[in-house]
PDB file of N, CA and C in Angstrom:
ATOM      1  N   MET A   1      14.023  14.210  24.565  1.00  0.00           N
ATOM      2  CA  MET A   1      12.799  13.449  24.633  1.00  0.00           C
ATOM      3  C   MET A   1      11.641  14.418  24.828  1.00  0.00           C
ATOM      4  N   TYR A   2      10.522  14.063  24.198  1.00  0.00           N
ATOM      5  CA  TYR A   2       9.299  14.850  24.324  1.00  0.00           C
ATOM      6  C   TYR A   2       8.171  13.889  24.646  1.00  0.00           C
ATOM      7  N   ILE A   3       7.385  14.175  25.683  1.00  0.00           N
ATOM      8  CA  ILE A   3       6.251  13.333  26.056  1.00  0.00           C
ATOM      9  C   ILE A   3       4.980  14.129  25.835  1.00  0.00           C
ATOM     10  N   HIS A   4       4.052  13.501  25.106  1.00  0.00           N
ATOM     11  CA  HIS A   4       2.798  14.169  24.763  1.00  0.00           C
ATOM     12  C   HIS A   4       1.640  13.449  25.435  1.00  0.00           C
ATOM     13  N   GLN A   5       0.766  14.216  26.070  1.00  0.00           N
ATOM     14  CA  GLN A   5      -0.450  13.673  26.668  1.00  0.00           C
ATOM     15  C   GLN A   5      -1.545  13.691  25.605  1.00  0.00           C
ATOM     16  N   CYS A   6      -2.023  12.522  25.231  1.00  0.00           N
ATOM     17  CA  CYS A   6      -3.042  12.391  24.196  1.00  0.00           C
ATOM     18  C   CYS A   6      -4.414  12.198  24.827  1.00  0.00           C
ATOM     19  N   THR A   7      -5.436  12.468  24.033  1.00  0.00           N
ATOM     20  CA  THR A   7      -6.777  12.056  24.426  1.00  0.00           C
ATOM     21  C   THR A   7      -6.851  10.546  24.208  1.00  0.00           C
ATOM     22  N   PRO A   8      -7.767   9.848  24.865  1.00  0.00           N
ATOM     23  CA  PRO A   8      -7.853   8.394  24.652  1.00  0.00           C
ATOM     24  C   PRO A   8      -8.076   8.016  23.177  1.00  0.00           C
ATOM     25  N   THR A   9      -8.897   8.778  22.462  1.00  0.00           N
ATOM     26  CA  THR A   9      -9.134   8.485  21.043  1.00  0.00           C
ATOM     27  C   THR A   9      -7.865   8.694  20.227  1.00  0.00           C
ATOM     28  N   GLN A  10      -7.194   9.800  20.455  1.00  0.00           N
ATOM     29  CA  GLN A  10      -5.950  10.101  19.738  1.00  0.00           C
ATOM     30  C   GLN A  10      -4.888   9.043  20.047  1.00  0.00           C
ATOM     31  N   TYR A  11      -4.807   8.626  21.302  1.00  0.00           N
ATOM     32  CA  TYR A  11      -3.833   7.606  21.709  1.00  0.00           C
ATOM     33  C   TYR A  11      -4.091   6.292  20.978  1.00  0.00           C
ATOM     34  N   ARG A  12      -5.355   5.854  20.926  1.00  0.00           N
ATOM     35  CA  ARG A  12      -5.683   4.608  20.214  1.00  0.00           C
ATOM     36  C   ARG A  12      -5.326   4.716  18.731  1.00  0.00           C
ATOM     37  N   GLN A  13      -5.637   5.861  18.113  1.00  0.00           N
ATOM     38  CA  GLN A  13      -5.326   6.054  16.695  1.00  0.00           C
ATOM     39  C   GLN A  13      -3.824   6.027  16.450  1.00  0.00           C
ATOM     40  N   LEU A  14      -3.063   6.707  17.297  1.00  0.00           N
ATOM     41  CA  LEU A  14      -1.607   6.716  17.135  1.00  0.00           C
ATOM     42  C   LEU A  14      -1.017   5.320  17.349  1.00  0.00           C
ATOM     43  N   CYS A  15      -1.520   4.595  18.341  1.00  0.00           N
ATOM     44  CA  CYS A  15      -1.017   3.234  18.586  1.00  0.00           C
ATOM     45  C   CYS A  15      -1.333   2.317  17.409  1.00  0.00           C
ATOM     46  N   ARG A  16      -2.532   2.440  16.849  1.00  0.00           N
ATOM     47  CA  ARG A  16      -2.868   1.635  15.660  1.00  0.00           C
ATOM     48  C   ARG A  16      -1.954   1.983  14.493  1.00  0.00           C
ATOM     49  N   HIS A  17      -1.699   3.280  14.324  1.00  0.00           N
ATOM     50  CA  HIS A  17      -0.810   3.706  13.235  1.00  0.00           C
ATOM     51  C   HIS A  17       0.606   3.174  13.453  1.00  0.00           C
ATOM     52  N   LEU A  18       1.093   3.222  14.681  1.00  0.00           N
ATOM     53  CA  LEU A  18       2.424   2.692  14.975  1.00  0.00           C
ATOM     54  C   LEU A  18       2.496   1.192  14.705  1.00  0.00           C
ATOM     55  N   GLN A  19       1.466   0.456  15.088  1.00  0.00           N
ATOM     56  CA  GLN A  19       1.455  -0.981  14.862  1.00  0.00           C
ATOM     57  C   GLN A  19       1.397  -1.308  13.377  1.00  0.00           C
ATOM     58  N   ALA A  20       0.702  -0.478  12.595  1.00  0.00           N
ATOM     59  CA  ALA A  20       0.566  -0.733  11.167  1.00  0.00           C
ATOM     60  C   ALA A  20       1.784  -0.267  10.371  1.00  0.00           C
ATOM     61  N   ARG A  21       2.335   0.890  10.725  1.00  0.00           N
ATOM     62  CA  ARG A  21       3.396   1.507   9.921  1.00  0.00           C
ATOM     63  C   ARG A  21       4.773   1.535  10.571  1.00  0.00           C
ATOM     64  N   GLY A  22       4.823   1.390  11.880  1.00  0.00           N
ATOM     65  CA  GLY A  22       6.104   1.485  12.575  1.00  0.00           C
ATOM     66  C   GLY A  22       6.898   0.196  12.489  1.00  0.00           C
ATOM     67  N   GLN A  23       8.194   0.329  12.648  1.00  0.00           N
ATOM     68  CA  GLN A  23       9.086  -0.826  12.683  1.00  0.00           C
ATOM     69  C   GLN A  23       9.506  -1.031  14.131  1.00  0.00           C
ATOM     70  N   ILE A  24       9.497  -2.283  14.555  1.00  0.00           N
ATOM     71  CA  ILE A  24       9.849  -2.592  15.935  1.00  0.00           C
ATOM     72  C   ILE A  24      10.892  -3.702  15.941  1.00  0.00           C
ATOM     73  N   LEU A  25      11.827  -3.607  16.864  1.00  0.00           N
ATOM     74  CA  LEU A  25      12.858  -4.630  17.023  1.00  0.00           C
ATOM     75  C   LEU A  25      12.467  -5.553  18.170  1.00  0.00           C
ATOM     76  N   PRO A  26      12.929  -6.792  18.161  1.00  0.00           N
ATOM     77  CA  PRO A  26      12.625  -7.694  19.280  1.00  0.00           C
ATOM     78  C   PRO A  26      13.095  -7.103  20.610  1.00  0.00           C
ATOM     79  N   LEU A  27      12.274  -7.258  21.617  1.00  0.00           N
ATOM     80  CA  LEU A  27      12.561  -6.800  22.978  1.00  0.00           C
ATOM     81  C   LEU A  27      12.716  -5.286  23.094  1.00  0.00           C
ATOM     82  N   ASP A  28      12.215  -4.534  22.130  1.00  0.00           N
ATOM     83  CA  ASP A  28      12.280  -3.072  22.154  1.00  0.00           C
ATOM     84  C   ASP A  28      10.851  -2.534  22.224  1.00  0.00           C
ATOM     85  N   PRO A  29      10.503  -1.774  23.262  1.00  0.00           N
ATOM     86  CA  PRO A  29       9.123  -1.294  23.390  1.00  0.00           C
ATOM     87  C   PRO A  29       8.797  -0.093  22.498  1.00  0.00           C
ATOM     88  N   SER A  30       9.786   0.415  21.766  1.00  0.00           N
ATOM     89  CA  SER A  30       9.552   1.599  20.944  1.00  0.00           C
ATOM     90  C   SER A  30       9.463   1.231  19.467  1.00  0.00           C
ATOM     91  N   TYR A  31       8.862   2.140  18.700  1.00  0.00           N
ATOM     92  CA  TYR A  31       8.676   1.965  17.265  1.00  0.00           C
ATOM     93  C   TYR A  31       9.494   3.011  16.532  1.00  0.00           C
ATOM     94  N   THR A  32       9.993   2.656  15.348  1.00  0.00           N
ATOM     95  CA  THR A  32      10.630   3.612  14.454  1.00  0.00           C
ATOM     96  C   THR A  32       9.652   3.895  13.333  1.00  0.00           C
ATOM     97  N   LEU A  33       9.309   5.157  13.161  1.00  0.00           N
ATOM     98  CA  LEU A  33       8.324   5.560  12.168  1.00  0.00           C
ATOM     99  C   LEU A  33       8.967   6.536  11.191  1.00  0.00           C
ATOM    100  N   PRO A  34       9.001   6.201   9.901  1.00  0.00           N
ATOM    101  CA  PRO A  34       9.525   7.164   8.933  1.00  0.00           C
ATOM    102  C   PRO A  34       8.509   8.273   8.696  1.00  0.00           C
ATOM    103  N   LEU A  35       8.999   9.477   8.532  1.00  0.00           N
ATOM    104  CA  LEU A  35       8.161  10.639   8.283  1.00  0.00           C
ATOM    105  C   LEU A  35       8.817  11.455   7.178  1.00  0.00           C
ATOM    106  N   TYR A  36       8.075  11.705   6.114  1.00  0.00           N
ATOM    107  CA  TYR A  36       8.602  12.436   4.972  1.00  0.00           C
ATOM    108  C   TYR A  36       7.950  13.804   4.919  1.00  0.00           C
ATOM    109  N   LEU A  37       8.759  14.845   5.034  1.00  0.00           N
ATOM    110  CA  LEU A  37       8.305  16.230   5.010  1.00  0.00           C
ATOM    111  C   LEU A  37       9.036  16.973   3.908  1.00  0.00           C
ATOM    112  N   PRO A  38       8.559  18.153   3.514  1.00  0.00           N
ATOM    113  CA  PRO A  38       9.309  18.937   2.532  1.00  0.00           C
ATOM    114  C   PRO A  38      10.732  19.257   3.001  1.00  0.00           C
ATOM    115  N   GLN A  39      10.937  19.328   4.324  1.00  0.00           N
ATOM    116  CA  GLN A  39      12.263  19.627   4.869  1.00  0.00           C
ATOM    117  C   GLN A  39      13.190  18.424   4.808  1.00  0.00           C
ATOM    118  N   GLY A  40      12.661  17.241   4.521  1.00  0.00           N
ATOM    119  CA  GLY A  40      13.496  16.051   4.431  1.00  0.00           C
ATOM    120  C   GLY A  40      12.838  14.834   5.046  1.00  0.00           C
ATOM    121  N   GLU A  41      13.632  13.793   5.155  1.00  0.00           N
ATOM    122  CA  GLU A  41      13.179  12.524   5.718  1.00  0.00           C
ATOM    123  C   GLU A  41      13.606  12.445   7.179  1.00  0.00           C
ATOM    124  N   PHE A  42      12.688  11.963   8.018  1.00  0.00           N
ATOM    125  CA  PHE A  42      12.959  11.821   9.437  1.00  0.00           C
ATOM    126  C   PHE A  42      12.576  10.415   9.879  1.00  0.00           C
ATOM    127  N   LEU A  43      13.322   9.873  10.807  1.00  0.00           N
ATOM    128  CA  LEU A  43      12.986   8.605  11.448  1.00  0.00           C
ATOM    129  C   LEU A  43      12.710   8.921  12.911  1.00  0.00           C
ATOM    130  N   LEU A  44      11.458   8.741  13.321  1.00  0.00           N
ATOM    131  CA  LEU A  44      11.042   9.070  14.676  1.00  0.00           C
ATOM    132  C   LEU A  44      11.036   7.821  15.531  1.00  0.00           C
ATOM    133  N   LYS A  45      11.554   7.912  16.722  1.00  0.00           N
ATOM    134  CA  LYS A  45      11.555   6.804  17.680  1.00  0.00           C
ATOM    135  C   LYS A  45      10.487   7.109  18.721  1.00  0.00           C
ATOM    136  N   LEU A  46       9.349   6.396  18.632  1.00  0.00           N
ATOM    137  CA  LEU A  46       8.186   6.646  19.475  1.00  0.00           C
ATOM    138  C   LEU A  46       7.919   5.462  20.385  1.00  0.00           C
ATOM    139  N   GLN A  47       7.469   5.767  21.597  1.00  0.00           N
ATOM    140  CA  GLN A  47       7.163   4.709  22.554  1.00  0.00           C
ATOM    141  C   GLN A  47       5.839   5.023  23.252  1.00  0.00           C
ATOM    142  N   PRO A  48       4.836   4.142  23.104  1.00  0.00           N
ATOM    143  CA  PRO A  48       3.604   4.329  23.865  1.00  0.00           C
ATOM    144  C   PRO A  48       3.876   4.166  25.362  1.00  0.00           C
ATOM    145  N   GLU A  49       3.281   5.045  26.138  1.00  0.00           N
ATOM    146  CA  GLU A  49       3.448   5.037  27.589  1.00  0.00           C
ATOM    147  C   GLU A  49       2.082   4.851  28.241  1.00  0.00           C
ATOM    148  N   PRO A  50       2.057   4.519  29.535  1.00  0.00           N
ATOM    149  CA  PRO A  50       0.771   4.421  30.230  1.00  0.00           C
ATOM    150  C   PRO A  50       0.057   5.775  30.283  1.00  0.00           C
ATOM    151  N   ASN A  51      -1.213   5.733  30.606  1.00  0.00           N
ATOM    152  CA  ASN A  51      -2.025   6.934  30.805  1.00  0.00           C
ATOM    153  C   ASN A  51      -2.130   7.801  29.556  1.00  0.00           C
ATOM    154  N   CYS A  52      -2.240   7.165  28.391  1.00  0.00           N
ATOM    155  CA  CYS A  52      -2.450   7.869  27.110  1.00  0.00           C
ATOM    156  C   CYS A  52      -1.322   8.842  26.782  1.00  0.00           C
ATOM    157  N   GLN A  53      -0.107   8.468  27.066  1.00  0.00           N
ATOM    158  CA  GLN A  53       1.047   9.295  26.719  1.00  0.00           C
ATOM    159  C   GLN A  53       1.870   8.608  25.635  1.00  0.00           C
ATOM    160  N   ILE A  54       2.454   9.422  24.754  1.00  0.00           N
ATOM    161  CA  ILE A  54       3.373   8.946  23.727  1.00  0.00           C
ATOM    162  C   ILE A  54       4.690   9.685  23.926  1.00  0.00           C
ATOM    163  N   ALA A  55       5.782   8.941  24.014  1.00  0.00           N
ATOM    164  CA  ALA A  55       7.109   9.545  24.165  1.00  0.00           C
ATOM    165  C   ALA A  55       7.813   9.529  22.811  1.00  0.00           C
ATOM    166  N   LEU A  56       8.250  10.680  22.381  1.00  0.00           N
ATOM    167  CA  LEU A  56       9.114  10.782  21.199  1.00  0.00           C
ATOM    168  C   LEU A  56      10.528  10.841  21.748  1.00  0.00           C
ATOM    169  N   LEU A  57      11.227   9.710  21.689  1.00  0.00           N
ATOM    170  CA  LEU A  57      12.533   9.578  22.326  1.00  0.00           C
ATOM    171  C   LEU A  57      13.604  10.396  21.615  1.00  0.00           C
ATOM    172  N   HIS A  58      13.628  10.298  20.301  1.00  0.00           N
ATOM    173  CA  HIS A  58      14.542  11.089  19.486  1.00  0.00           C
ATOM    174  C   HIS A  58      14.131  10.950  18.023  1.00  0.00           C
ATOM    175  N   ALA A  59      14.757  11.721  17.170  1.00  0.00           N
ATOM    176  CA  ALA A  59      14.503  11.646  15.731  1.00  0.00           C
ATOM    177  C   ALA A  59      15.842  11.716  15.013  1.00  0.00           C
ATOM    178  N   LEU A  60      15.878  11.099  13.862  1.00  0.00           N
ATOM    179  CA  LEU A  60      17.037  11.200  12.982  1.00  0.00           C
ATOM    180  C   LEU A  60      16.600  11.899  11.702  1.00  0.00           C
ATOM    181  N   GLN A  61      17.327  12.924  11.314  1.00  0.00           N
ATOM    182  CA  GLN A  61      17.099  13.537  10.012  1.00  0.00           C
ATOM    183  C   GLN A  61      18.040  12.852   9.044  1.00  0.00           C
ATOM    184  N   VAL A  62      17.495  12.339   7.952  1.00  0.00           N
ATOM    185  CA  VAL A  62      18.263  11.540   7.007  1.00  0.00           C
ATOM    186  C   VAL A  62      18.474  12.340   5.731  1.00  0.00           C
ATOM    187  N   ASP A  63      19.710  12.432   5.284  1.00  0.00           N
ATOM    188  CA  ASP A  63      20.048  13.045   4.003  1.00  0.00           C
ATOM    189  C   ASP A  63      20.631  11.948   3.124  1.00  0.00           C
ATOM    190  N   ARG A  64      19.885  11.557   2.118  1.00  0.00           N
ATOM    191  CA  ARG A  64      20.325  10.474   1.233  1.00  0.00           C
ATOM    192  C   ARG A  64      21.026  11.074   0.011  1.00  0.00           C
ATOM    193  N   SER A  65      22.309  11.299   0.143  1.00  0.00           N
ATOM    194  CA  SER A  65      23.102  11.864  -0.950  1.00  0.00           C
ATOM    195  C   SER A  65      23.763  10.737  -1.736  1.00  0.00           C
ATOM    196  N   PRO A  66      24.255  11.028  -2.949  1.00  0.00           N
ATOM    197  CA  PRO A  66      24.927   9.997  -3.748  1.00  0.00           C
ATOM    198  C   PRO A  66      26.165   9.405  -3.065  1.00  0.00           C
ATOM    199  N   ASP A  67      26.801  10.165  -2.178  1.00  0.00           N
ATOM    200  CA  ASP A  67      27.991   9.684  -1.469  1.00  0.00           C
ATOM    201  C   ASP A  67      27.646   8.771  -0.300  1.00  0.00           C
ATOM    202  N   GLY A  68      26.368   8.609  -0.032  1.00  0.00           N
ATOM    203  CA  GLY A  68      25.926   7.798   1.096  1.00  0.00           C
ATOM    204  C   GLY A  68      25.090   8.630   2.049  1.00  0.00           C
ATOM    205  N   PRO A  69      24.238   7.983   2.804  1.00  0.00           N
ATOM    206  CA  PRO A  69      23.367   8.743   3.700  1.00  0.00           C
ATOM    207  C   PRO A  69      24.125   9.334   4.884  1.00  0.00           C
ATOM    208  N   THR A  70      23.651  10.483   5.328  1.00  0.00           N
ATOM    209  CA  THR A  70      24.155  11.093   6.552  1.00  0.00           C
ATOM    210  C   THR A  70      22.959  11.285   7.487  1.00  0.00           C
ATOM    211  N   PHE A  71      23.227  11.258   8.778  1.00  0.00           N
ATOM    212  CA  PHE A  71      22.176  11.327   9.778  1.00  0.00           C
ATOM    213  C   PHE A  71      22.483  12.430  10.780  1.00  0.00           C
ATOM    214  N   VAL A  72      21.444  13.140  11.196  1.00  0.00           N
ATOM    215  CA  VAL A  72      21.561  14.145  12.249  1.00  0.00           C
ATOM    216  C   VAL A  72      20.597  13.728  13.352  1.00  0.00           C
ATOM    217  N   LEU A  73      21.128  13.512  14.559  1.00  0.00           N
ATOM    218  CA  LEU A  73      20.324  13.119  15.704  1.00  0.00           C
ATOM    219  C   LEU A  73      19.663  14.358  16.315  1.00  0.00           C
ATOM    220  N   ILE A  74      18.353  14.287  16.503  1.00  0.00           N
ATOM    221  CA  ILE A  74      17.594  15.390  17.087  1.00  0.00           C
ATOM    222  C   ILE A  74      17.086  14.936  18.449  1.00  0.00           C
ATOM    223  N   THR A  75      17.520  15.626  19.501  1.00  0.00           N
ATOM    224  CA  THR A  75      17.102  15.268  20.857  1.00  0.00           C
ATOM    225  C   THR A  75      16.487  16.444  21.613  1.00  0.00           C
ATOM    226  N   GLU A  76      16.573  17.636  21.071  1.00  0.00           N
ATOM    227  CA  GLU A  76      16.054  18.823  21.755  1.00  0.00           C
ATOM    228  C   GLU A  76      14.524  18.803  21.749  1.00  0.00           C
ATOM    229  N   PRO A  77      13.887  19.183  22.845  1.00  0.00           N
ATOM    230  CA  PRO A  77      12.426  19.106  22.939  1.00  0.00           C
ATOM    231  C   PRO A  77      11.667  19.947  21.913  1.00  0.00           C
ATOM    232  N   THR A  78      12.148  21.142  21.590  1.00  0.00           N
ATOM    233  CA  THR A  78      11.398  22.008  20.674  1.00  0.00           C
ATOM    234  C   THR A  78      11.265  21.406  19.280  1.00  0.00           C
ATOM    235  N   PRO A  79      12.354  20.969  18.616  1.00  0.00           N
ATOM    236  CA  PRO A  79      12.166  20.350  17.294  1.00  0.00           C
ATOM    237  C   PRO A  79      11.386  19.034  17.378  1.00  0.00           C
ATOM    238  N   LEU A  80      11.550  18.290  18.464  1.00  0.00           N
ATOM    239  CA  LEU A  80      10.789  17.049  18.612  1.00  0.00           C
ATOM    240  C   LEU A  80       9.301  17.352  18.735  1.00  0.00           C
ATOM    241  N   ARG A  81       8.964  18.381  19.482  1.00  0.00           N
ATOM    242  CA  ARG A  81       7.561  18.772  19.635  1.00  0.00           C
ATOM    243  C   ARG A  81       6.973  19.197  18.283  1.00  0.00           C
ATOM    244  N   GLN A  82       7.765  19.906  17.466  1.00  0.00           N
ATOM    245  CA  GLN A  82       7.299  20.333  16.150  1.00  0.00           C
ATOM    246  C   GLN A  82       7.062  19.142  15.229  1.00  0.00           C
ATOM    247  N   LEU A  83       7.939  18.146  15.293  1.00  0.00           N
ATOM    248  CA  LEU A  83       7.726  16.934  14.498  1.00  0.00           C
ATOM    249  C   LEU A  83       6.508  16.164  15.003  1.00  0.00           C
ATOM    250  N   PHE A  84       6.377  16.068  16.308  1.00  0.00           N
ATOM    251  CA  PHE A  84       5.259  15.328  16.887  1.00  0.00           C
ATOM    252  C   PHE A  84       3.924  15.971  16.529  1.00  0.00           C
ATOM    253  N   ALA A  85       3.902  17.295  16.414  1.00  0.00           N
ATOM    254  CA  ALA A  85       2.665  18.011  16.121  1.00  0.00           C
ATOM    255  C   ALA A  85       2.041  17.554  14.812  1.00  0.00           C
ATOM    256  N   ARG A  86       2.799  16.953  13.954  1.00  0.00           N
ATOM    257  CA  ARG A  86       2.272  16.485  12.667  1.00  0.00           C
ATOM    258  C   ARG A  86       1.720  15.069  12.740  1.00  0.00           C
ATOM    259  N   LEU A  87       2.014  14.331  13.792  1.00  0.00           N
ATOM    260  CA  LEU A  87       1.577  12.937  13.879  1.00  0.00           C
ATOM    261  C   LEU A  87       0.078  12.730  14.002  1.00  0.00           C
ATOM    262  N   PRO A  88      -0.686  13.542  14.726  1.00  0.00           N
ATOM    263  CA  PRO A  88      -2.123  13.271  14.793  1.00  0.00           C
ATOM    264  C   PRO A  88      -2.785  13.234  13.425  1.00  0.00           C
ATOM    265  N   PHE A  89      -2.256  13.967  12.454  1.00  0.00           N
ATOM    266  CA  PHE A  89      -2.824  13.930  11.110  1.00  0.00           C
ATOM    267  C   PHE A  89      -2.583  12.581  10.453  1.00  0.00           C
ATOM    268  N   LEU A  90      -1.494  11.914  10.807  1.00  0.00           N
ATOM    269  CA  LEU A  90      -1.195  10.610  10.223  1.00  0.00           C
ATOM    270  C   LEU A  90      -2.176   9.554  10.683  1.00  0.00           C
ATOM    271  N   ALA A  91      -2.638   9.676  11.906  1.00  0.00           N
ATOM    272  CA  ALA A  91      -3.504   8.648  12.482  1.00  0.00           C
ATOM    273  C   ALA A  91      -4.979   9.001  12.354  1.00  0.00           C
ATOM    274  N   ALA A  92      -5.308   9.989  11.531  1.00  0.00           N
ATOM    275  CA  ALA A  92      -6.710  10.361  11.365  1.00  0.00           C
ATOM    276  C   ALA A  92      -7.491   9.197  10.777  1.00  0.00           C
ATOM    277  N   PRO A  93      -8.762   9.051  11.149  1.00  0.00           N
ATOM    278  CA  PRO A  93      -9.553   7.929  10.649  1.00  0.00           C
ATOM    279  C   PRO A  93      -9.558   7.893   9.129  1.00  0.00           C
ATOM    280  N   GLY A  94      -9.369   6.697   8.583  1.00  0.00           N
ATOM    281  CA  GLY A  94      -9.379   6.513   7.141  1.00  0.00           C
ATOM    282  C   GLY A  94      -8.057   6.772   6.458  1.00  0.00           C
ATOM    283  N   LYS A  95      -7.059   7.238   7.183  1.00  0.00           N
ATOM    284  CA  LYS A  95      -5.771   7.539   6.572  1.00  0.00           C
ATOM    285  C   LYS A  95      -4.704   6.536   6.949  1.00  0.00           C
ATOM    286  N   ALA A  96      -5.062   5.487   7.636  1.00  0.00           N
ATOM    287  CA  ALA A  96      -4.068   4.501   8.078  1.00  0.00           C
ATOM    288  C   ALA A  96      -3.448   3.761   6.909  1.00  0.00           C
ATOM    289  N   ASP A  97      -4.125   3.732   5.757  1.00  0.00           N
ATOM    290  CA  ASP A  97      -3.603   3.020   4.595  1.00  0.00           C
ATOM    291  C   ASP A  97      -2.609   3.861   3.807  1.00  0.00           C
ATOM    292  N   LYS A  98      -2.568   5.141   4.054  1.00  0.00           N
ATOM    293  CA  LYS A  98      -1.722   6.035   3.256  1.00  0.00           C
ATOM    294  C   LYS A  98      -0.342   6.124   3.867  1.00  0.00           C
ATOM    295  N   PRO A  99       0.707   6.386   3.047  1.00  0.00           N
ATOM    296  CA  PRO A  99       2.057   6.485   3.584  1.00  0.00           C
ATOM    297  C   PRO A  99       2.199   7.721   4.455  1.00  0.00           C
ATOM    298  N   SER A 100       3.243   7.717   5.253  1.00  0.00           N
ATOM    299  CA  SER A 100       3.496   8.811   6.192  1.00  0.00           C
ATOM    300  C   SER A 100       4.159   9.982   5.476  1.00  0.00           C
ATOM    301  N   VAL A 101       3.377  10.670   4.631  1.00  0.00           N
ATOM    302  CA  VAL A 101       3.875  11.821   3.890  1.00  0.00           C
ATOM    303  C   VAL A 101       2.994  13.005   4.234  1.00  0.00           C
ATOM    304  N   ILE A 102       3.600  14.106   4.616  1.00  0.00           N
ATOM    305  CA  ILE A 102       2.854  15.313   4.943  1.00  0.00           C
ATOM    306  C   ILE A 102       3.324  16.408   4.018  1.00  0.00           C
ATOM    307  N   PRO A 103       2.392  17.099   3.373  1.00  0.00           N
ATOM    308  CA  PRO A 103       2.801  18.196   2.455  1.00  0.00           C
ATOM    309  C   PRO A 103       3.424  19.352   3.188  1.00  0.00           C
TER     310      PRO A 103
END
């Protein structure tokens, strides 16, 4: 798990992006957000916390091969922090309509 302290503006932008693009299950306070990078597809499990904090609980790296998808669970803080570092760009003003793809 990785917890990031956001500025109030960044926190509002990320929460809006999660509400618009994230998937949520009933009675689950966290969102699943797909993230597409050159390194592959990732499913991030994010949870807004009090005091402008966002928790990245874990990530799944997805490999969609012809034999069926395979998943790698990522729980170590360093790779989670690296994935999280790309999220503020997703929630930038005016980009909420665009898919979660980062070059």
